[in-house]
Amino acid sequence: MRKLNKGRKLSRKKGPRKALLRILANNLFLYEKIKTTEAKAKELRVVAEKMITRAKKDEISNRRILAQSLTPKMVKKIIKEIAPRYNQRQGGYTRIMRLGPRNSDGAKMVIIELIK
């Protein structure tokens, strides 16, 4: 039983799951809008919003923590461009918009984007 265990497994073990979320977060910050499945987007939302909250305080410790999961280019972008947009906001930096099912396998598709 998975009592009190939060999060989705996304049919992956821990390492590949973390790598997937890291890649999705990098792409979300690079393009500010990506198309993915609903389950992946809901997990990505948790990760991305924690990163933005951490980037709002530009300290060396926060930069080092962000650098563990983002590329150096993305660390600069999130601290210099993305996080200052949300200084007056307490959370809810992303939006998930539902699309139709994917043609090949019927998976629920969504667009996850950063709120302007």
N, C-alpha and C. Protein backbone atom coordinates (compact mmCIF):
# COMPACT_ATOMS: atom_id res chain seq x y z
N MET A 1 0.84 -1.19 0.00
CA MET A 1 0.00 0.00 0.00
C MET A 1 0.88 1.24 0.00
N ARG A 2 0.47 2.25 -0.76
CA ARG A 2 1.26 3.48 -0.88
C ARG A 2 0.66 4.57 0.01
N LYS A 3 0.44 4.30 1.25
CA LYS A 3 -0.16 5.29 2.14
C LYS A 3 0.78 6.47 2.35
N LEU A 4 0.26 7.66 2.21
CA LEU A 4 0.98 8.91 2.43
C LEU A 4 2.17 9.13 1.49
N ASN A 5 2.26 8.37 0.40
CA ASN A 5 3.32 8.57 -0.59
C ASN A 5 2.79 9.45 -1.69
N LYS A 6 3.32 10.67 -1.77
CA LYS A 6 2.85 11.61 -2.77
C LYS A 6 3.58 11.40 -4.08
N GLY A 7 3.00 11.89 -5.16
CA GLY A 7 3.67 11.88 -6.45
C GLY A 7 3.28 10.69 -7.30
N ARG A 8 3.55 10.84 -8.57
CA ARG A 8 3.26 9.80 -9.55
C ARG A 8 4.55 9.10 -9.93
N LYS A 9 4.48 7.82 -10.22
CA LYS A 9 5.68 7.08 -10.60
C LYS A 9 5.97 7.19 -12.09
N LEU A 10 4.96 7.50 -12.90
CA LEU A 10 5.11 7.67 -14.35
C LEU A 10 5.74 6.46 -15.01
N SER A 11 5.50 5.28 -14.47
CA SER A 11 6.01 4.00 -15.01
C SER A 11 7.52 3.99 -15.15
N ARG A 12 8.22 4.63 -14.21
CA ARG A 12 9.68 4.69 -14.25
C ARG A 12 10.24 4.48 -12.85
N LYS A 13 11.49 4.08 -12.82
CA LYS A 13 12.18 4.02 -11.53
C LYS A 13 12.63 5.42 -11.16
N LYS A 14 13.22 5.56 -9.99
CA LYS A 14 13.53 6.88 -9.45
C LYS A 14 14.47 7.69 -10.34
N GLY A 15 15.55 7.10 -10.80
CA GLY A 15 16.53 7.82 -11.61
C GLY A 15 15.97 8.34 -12.92
N PRO A 16 15.35 7.46 -13.73
CA PRO A 16 14.76 7.94 -14.98
C PRO A 16 13.63 8.95 -14.77
N ARG A 17 12.88 8.79 -13.67
CA ARG A 17 11.80 9.74 -13.38
C ARG A 17 12.36 11.13 -13.07
N LYS A 18 13.42 11.19 -12.26
CA LYS A 18 14.05 12.47 -11.95
C LYS A 18 14.65 13.10 -13.20
N ALA A 19 15.25 12.27 -14.05
CA ALA A 19 15.84 12.78 -15.29
C ALA A 19 14.76 13.35 -16.21
N LEU A 20 13.62 12.66 -16.30
CA LEU A 20 12.51 13.13 -17.12
C LEU A 20 12.02 14.49 -16.63
N LEU A 21 11.82 14.63 -15.32
CA LEU A 21 11.31 15.89 -14.77
C LEU A 21 12.35 17.01 -14.94
N ARG A 22 13.63 16.66 -14.85
CA ARG A 22 14.69 17.65 -15.04
C ARG A 22 14.67 18.16 -16.49
N ILE A 23 14.52 17.27 -17.45
CA ILE A 23 14.47 17.66 -18.86
C ILE A 23 13.23 18.49 -19.14
N LEU A 24 12.09 18.07 -18.60
CA LEU A 24 10.85 18.83 -18.80
C LEU A 24 10.95 20.22 -18.20
N ALA A 25 11.57 20.34 -17.03
CA ALA A 25 11.73 21.65 -16.39
C ALA A 25 12.63 22.55 -17.22
N ASN A 26 13.74 22.01 -17.73
CA ASN A 26 14.63 22.79 -18.59
C ASN A 26 13.88 23.30 -19.82
N ASN A 27 13.09 22.43 -20.44
CA ASN A 27 12.34 22.84 -21.63
C ASN A 27 11.24 23.84 -21.30
N LEU A 28 10.60 23.68 -20.15
CA LEU A 28 9.57 24.64 -19.75
C LEU A 28 10.17 26.02 -19.56
N PHE A 29 11.32 26.11 -18.93
CA PHE A 29 11.94 27.41 -18.71
C PHE A 29 12.53 27.98 -20.00
N LEU A 30 12.95 27.11 -20.92
CA LEU A 30 13.51 27.57 -22.18
C LEU A 30 12.42 28.13 -23.09
N TYR A 31 11.34 27.36 -23.28
CA TYR A 31 10.28 27.75 -24.22
C TYR A 31 9.10 28.43 -23.54
N GLU A 32 8.99 28.31 -22.24
CA GLU A 32 7.92 28.88 -21.42
C GLU A 32 6.55 28.28 -21.72
N LYS A 33 6.51 27.24 -22.56
CA LYS A 33 5.27 26.55 -22.87
C LYS A 33 5.63 25.22 -23.53
N ILE A 34 5.13 24.11 -23.00
CA ILE A 34 5.39 22.82 -23.63
C ILE A 34 4.12 21.98 -23.64
N LYS A 35 4.09 21.03 -24.55
CA LYS A 35 2.96 20.12 -24.68
C LYS A 35 3.40 18.75 -24.19
N THR A 36 2.64 18.17 -23.26
CA THR A 36 3.00 16.88 -22.69
C THR A 36 1.73 16.20 -22.19
N THR A 37 1.89 15.04 -21.55
CA THR A 37 0.72 14.35 -21.02
C THR A 37 0.29 14.99 -19.70
N GLU A 38 -0.92 14.73 -19.30
CA GLU A 38 -1.48 15.36 -18.10
C GLU A 38 -0.73 14.94 -16.84
N ALA A 39 -0.40 13.67 -16.72
CA ALA A 39 0.29 13.19 -15.52
C ALA A 39 1.68 13.82 -15.40
N LYS A 40 2.40 13.88 -16.50
CA LYS A 40 3.74 14.49 -16.47
C LYS A 40 3.65 15.98 -16.15
N ALA A 41 2.64 16.65 -16.69
CA ALA A 41 2.49 18.08 -16.44
C ALA A 41 2.17 18.36 -14.98
N LYS A 42 1.36 17.52 -14.36
CA LYS A 42 1.01 17.73 -12.95
C LYS A 42 2.22 17.51 -12.05
N GLU A 43 3.08 16.57 -12.39
CA GLU A 43 4.30 16.38 -11.62
C GLU A 43 5.30 17.50 -11.89
N LEU A 44 5.37 17.94 -13.14
CA LEU A 44 6.28 19.02 -13.51
C LEU A 44 5.90 20.31 -12.81
N ARG A 45 4.62 20.55 -12.64
CA ARG A 45 4.15 21.77 -11.98
C ARG A 45 4.75 21.89 -10.58
N VAL A 46 4.75 20.81 -9.83
CA VAL A 46 5.30 20.81 -8.47
C VAL A 46 6.78 21.17 -8.50
N VAL A 47 7.53 20.53 -9.39
CA VAL A 47 8.98 20.74 -9.48
C VAL A 47 9.29 22.17 -9.93
N ALA A 48 8.61 22.64 -10.98
CA ALA A 48 8.90 23.96 -11.55
C ALA A 48 8.55 25.08 -10.58
N GLU A 49 7.44 24.95 -9.88
CA GLU A 49 7.05 26.02 -8.97
C GLU A 49 8.01 26.12 -7.78
N LYS A 50 8.53 24.98 -7.32
CA LYS A 50 9.53 25.03 -6.25
C LYS A 50 10.81 25.69 -6.74
N MET A 51 11.18 25.43 -7.99
CA MET A 51 12.39 26.05 -8.55
C MET A 51 12.23 27.56 -8.66
N ILE A 52 11.07 28.02 -9.13
CA ILE A 52 10.84 29.45 -9.28
C ILE A 52 10.84 30.13 -7.91
N THR A 53 10.21 29.51 -6.92
CA THR A 53 10.19 30.07 -5.58
C THR A 53 11.61 30.19 -5.04
N ARG A 54 12.43 29.19 -5.28
CA ARG A 54 13.82 29.23 -4.82
C ARG A 54 14.60 30.31 -5.57
N ALA A 55 14.32 30.50 -6.86
CA ALA A 55 15.05 31.48 -7.67
C ALA A 55 14.67 32.92 -7.31
N LYS A 56 13.54 33.12 -6.67
CA LYS A 56 13.14 34.47 -6.29
C LYS A 56 14.13 35.10 -5.32
N LYS A 57 14.77 34.27 -4.49
CA LYS A 57 15.82 34.73 -3.58
C LYS A 57 17.15 34.40 -4.24
N ASP A 58 17.82 35.40 -4.77
CA ASP A 58 19.07 35.17 -5.49
C ASP A 58 20.23 35.06 -4.50
N GLU A 59 20.43 33.86 -3.99
CA GLU A 59 21.53 33.58 -3.07
C GLU A 59 22.38 32.46 -3.67
N ILE A 60 23.62 32.38 -3.24
CA ILE A 60 24.53 31.38 -3.80
C ILE A 60 24.04 29.97 -3.49
N SER A 61 23.45 29.76 -2.32
CA SER A 61 22.96 28.43 -1.97
C SER A 61 21.81 28.02 -2.89
N ASN A 62 20.92 28.97 -3.20
CA ASN A 62 19.82 28.66 -4.11
C ASN A 62 20.31 28.40 -5.52
N ARG A 63 21.33 29.14 -5.97
CA ARG A 63 21.90 28.89 -7.29
C ARG A 63 22.49 27.49 -7.38
N ARG A 64 23.16 27.06 -6.31
CA ARG A 64 23.77 25.73 -6.32
C ARG A 64 22.71 24.64 -6.34
N ILE A 65 21.64 24.83 -5.62
CA ILE A 65 20.56 23.83 -5.62
C ILE A 65 19.90 23.77 -7.00
N LEU A 66 19.67 24.92 -7.63
CA LEU A 66 19.08 24.94 -8.97
C LEU A 66 20.03 24.32 -9.99
N ALA A 67 21.34 24.53 -9.80
CA ALA A 67 22.32 24.01 -10.75
C ALA A 67 22.38 22.49 -10.73
N GLN A 68 21.88 21.85 -9.69
CA GLN A 68 21.86 20.39 -9.65
C GLN A 68 20.90 19.81 -10.68
N SER A 69 19.85 20.55 -11.02
CA SER A 69 18.85 20.00 -11.91
C SER A 69 18.65 20.80 -13.20
N LEU A 70 19.20 22.01 -13.27
CA LEU A 70 19.06 22.82 -14.48
C LEU A 70 20.42 23.04 -15.12
N THR A 71 20.41 23.35 -16.41
CA THR A 71 21.66 23.68 -17.09
C THR A 71 22.10 25.08 -16.65
N PRO A 72 23.39 25.41 -16.78
CA PRO A 72 23.84 26.75 -16.37
C PRO A 72 23.09 27.89 -17.08
N LYS A 73 22.76 27.67 -18.34
CA LYS A 73 22.01 28.68 -19.09
C LYS A 73 20.62 28.90 -18.48
N MET A 74 19.98 27.81 -18.07
CA MET A 74 18.65 27.91 -17.49
C MET A 74 18.68 28.52 -16.09
N VAL A 75 19.76 28.25 -15.34
CA VAL A 75 19.88 28.85 -14.00
C VAL A 75 19.92 30.36 -14.14
N LYS A 76 20.71 30.86 -15.09
CA LYS A 76 20.77 32.31 -15.30
C LYS A 76 19.43 32.86 -15.73
N LYS A 77 18.78 32.15 -16.66
CA LYS A 77 17.50 32.65 -17.18
C LYS A 77 16.43 32.68 -16.09
N ILE A 78 16.34 31.64 -15.29
CA ILE A 78 15.29 31.59 -14.27
C ILE A 78 15.52 32.67 -13.20
N ILE A 79 16.79 32.94 -12.86
CA ILE A 79 17.07 33.94 -11.82
C ILE A 79 16.94 35.36 -12.36
N LYS A 80 17.41 35.62 -13.57
CA LYS A 80 17.43 36.98 -14.12
C LYS A 80 16.13 37.38 -14.80
N GLU A 81 15.44 36.45 -15.46
CA GLU A 81 14.26 36.80 -16.26
C GLU A 81 12.94 36.29 -15.68
N ILE A 82 12.91 35.03 -15.30
CA ILE A 82 11.63 34.42 -14.94
C ILE A 82 11.20 34.77 -13.51
N ALA A 83 12.07 34.56 -12.54
CA ALA A 83 11.69 34.78 -11.14
C ALA A 83 11.30 36.22 -10.83
N PRO A 84 11.98 37.26 -11.38
CA PRO A 84 11.55 38.63 -11.07
C PRO A 84 10.11 38.96 -11.51
N ARG A 85 9.59 38.22 -12.49
CA ARG A 85 8.20 38.43 -12.91
C ARG A 85 7.22 38.13 -11.79
N TYR A 86 7.60 37.22 -10.90
CA TYR A 86 6.67 36.71 -9.90
C TYR A 86 6.98 37.21 -8.50
N ASN A 87 7.67 38.34 -8.36
CA ASN A 87 8.01 38.85 -7.03
C ASN A 87 6.79 39.16 -6.18
N GLN A 88 5.72 39.63 -6.81
CA GLN A 88 4.51 39.98 -6.07
C GLN A 88 3.55 38.81 -5.94
N ARG A 89 3.91 37.66 -6.47
CA ARG A 89 3.02 36.50 -6.50
C ARG A 89 3.49 35.46 -5.49
N GLN A 90 2.57 34.87 -4.76
CA GLN A 90 2.91 33.91 -3.71
C GLN A 90 2.97 32.46 -4.21
N GLY A 91 2.62 32.21 -5.42
CA GLY A 91 2.63 30.85 -5.96
C GLY A 91 1.75 30.81 -7.19
N GLY A 92 1.58 29.64 -7.77
CA GLY A 92 0.74 29.49 -8.95
C GLY A 92 1.37 30.13 -10.18
N TYR A 93 2.60 29.71 -10.47
CA TYR A 93 3.33 30.31 -11.58
C TYR A 93 3.05 29.62 -12.91
N THR A 94 2.39 28.47 -12.88
CA THR A 94 2.14 27.71 -14.10
C THR A 94 0.65 27.52 -14.32
N ARG A 95 0.31 27.25 -15.56
CA ARG A 95 -1.09 27.01 -15.95
C ARG A 95 -1.10 25.74 -16.80
N ILE A 96 -2.07 24.88 -16.55
CA ILE A 96 -2.24 23.66 -17.34
C ILE A 96 -3.55 23.78 -18.11
N MET A 97 -3.46 23.71 -19.44
CA MET A 97 -4.65 23.77 -20.29
C MET A 97 -4.82 22.43 -20.99
N ARG A 98 -5.98 21.85 -20.87
CA ARG A 98 -6.23 20.53 -21.44
C ARG A 98 -6.48 20.61 -22.94
N LEU A 99 -5.91 19.63 -23.64
CA LEU A 99 -6.16 19.44 -25.06
C LEU A 99 -6.94 18.14 -25.20
N GLY A 100 -7.15 17.71 -26.41
CA GLY A 100 -7.82 16.44 -26.62
C GLY A 100 -6.87 15.27 -26.39
N PRO A 101 -7.39 14.06 -26.54
CA PRO A 101 -6.53 12.89 -26.39
C PRO A 101 -5.56 12.76 -27.57
N ARG A 102 -4.42 12.12 -27.31
CA ARG A 102 -3.43 11.88 -28.35
C ARG A 102 -3.98 10.82 -29.30
N ASN A 103 -3.74 10.99 -30.59
CA ASN A 103 -4.31 10.08 -31.59
C ASN A 103 -3.79 8.65 -31.45
N SER A 104 -2.51 8.50 -31.17
CA SER A 104 -1.92 7.16 -31.20
C SER A 104 -2.40 6.27 -30.05
N ASP A 105 -2.38 6.76 -28.83
CA ASP A 105 -2.73 5.91 -27.70
C ASP A 105 -3.83 6.47 -26.81
N GLY A 106 -4.36 7.63 -27.13
CA GLY A 106 -5.47 8.19 -26.36
C GLY A 106 -5.07 8.83 -25.05
N ALA A 107 -3.77 9.10 -24.86
CA ALA A 107 -3.33 9.74 -23.62
C ALA A 107 -3.85 11.17 -23.55
N LYS A 108 -4.19 11.62 -22.34
CA LYS A 108 -4.70 12.98 -22.16
C LYS A 108 -3.52 13.95 -22.34
N MET A 109 -3.64 14.85 -23.29
CA MET A 109 -2.57 15.81 -23.58
C MET A 109 -2.94 17.17 -23.02
N VAL A 110 -1.92 17.91 -22.58
CA VAL A 110 -2.11 19.25 -22.03
C VAL A 110 -0.97 20.16 -22.49
N ILE A 111 -1.19 21.44 -22.33
CA ILE A 111 -0.12 22.43 -22.50
C ILE A 111 0.13 23.02 -21.13
N ILE A 112 1.37 22.97 -20.69
CA ILE A 112 1.76 23.62 -19.43
C ILE A 112 2.59 24.83 -19.79
N GLU A 113 2.24 25.97 -19.20
CA GLU A 113 2.94 27.22 -19.54
C GLU A 113 3.16 28.05 -18.30
N LEU A 114 4.14 28.94 -18.39
CA LEU A 114 4.38 29.88 -17.32
C LEU A 114 3.41 31.05 -17.50
N ILE A 115 2.80 31.49 -16.41
CA ILE A 115 1.87 32.60 -16.47
C ILE A 115 2.66 33.88 -16.67
N LYS A 116 2.17 34.75 -17.53
CA LYS A 116 2.87 36.01 -17.84
C LYS A 116 2.72 37.00 -16.72
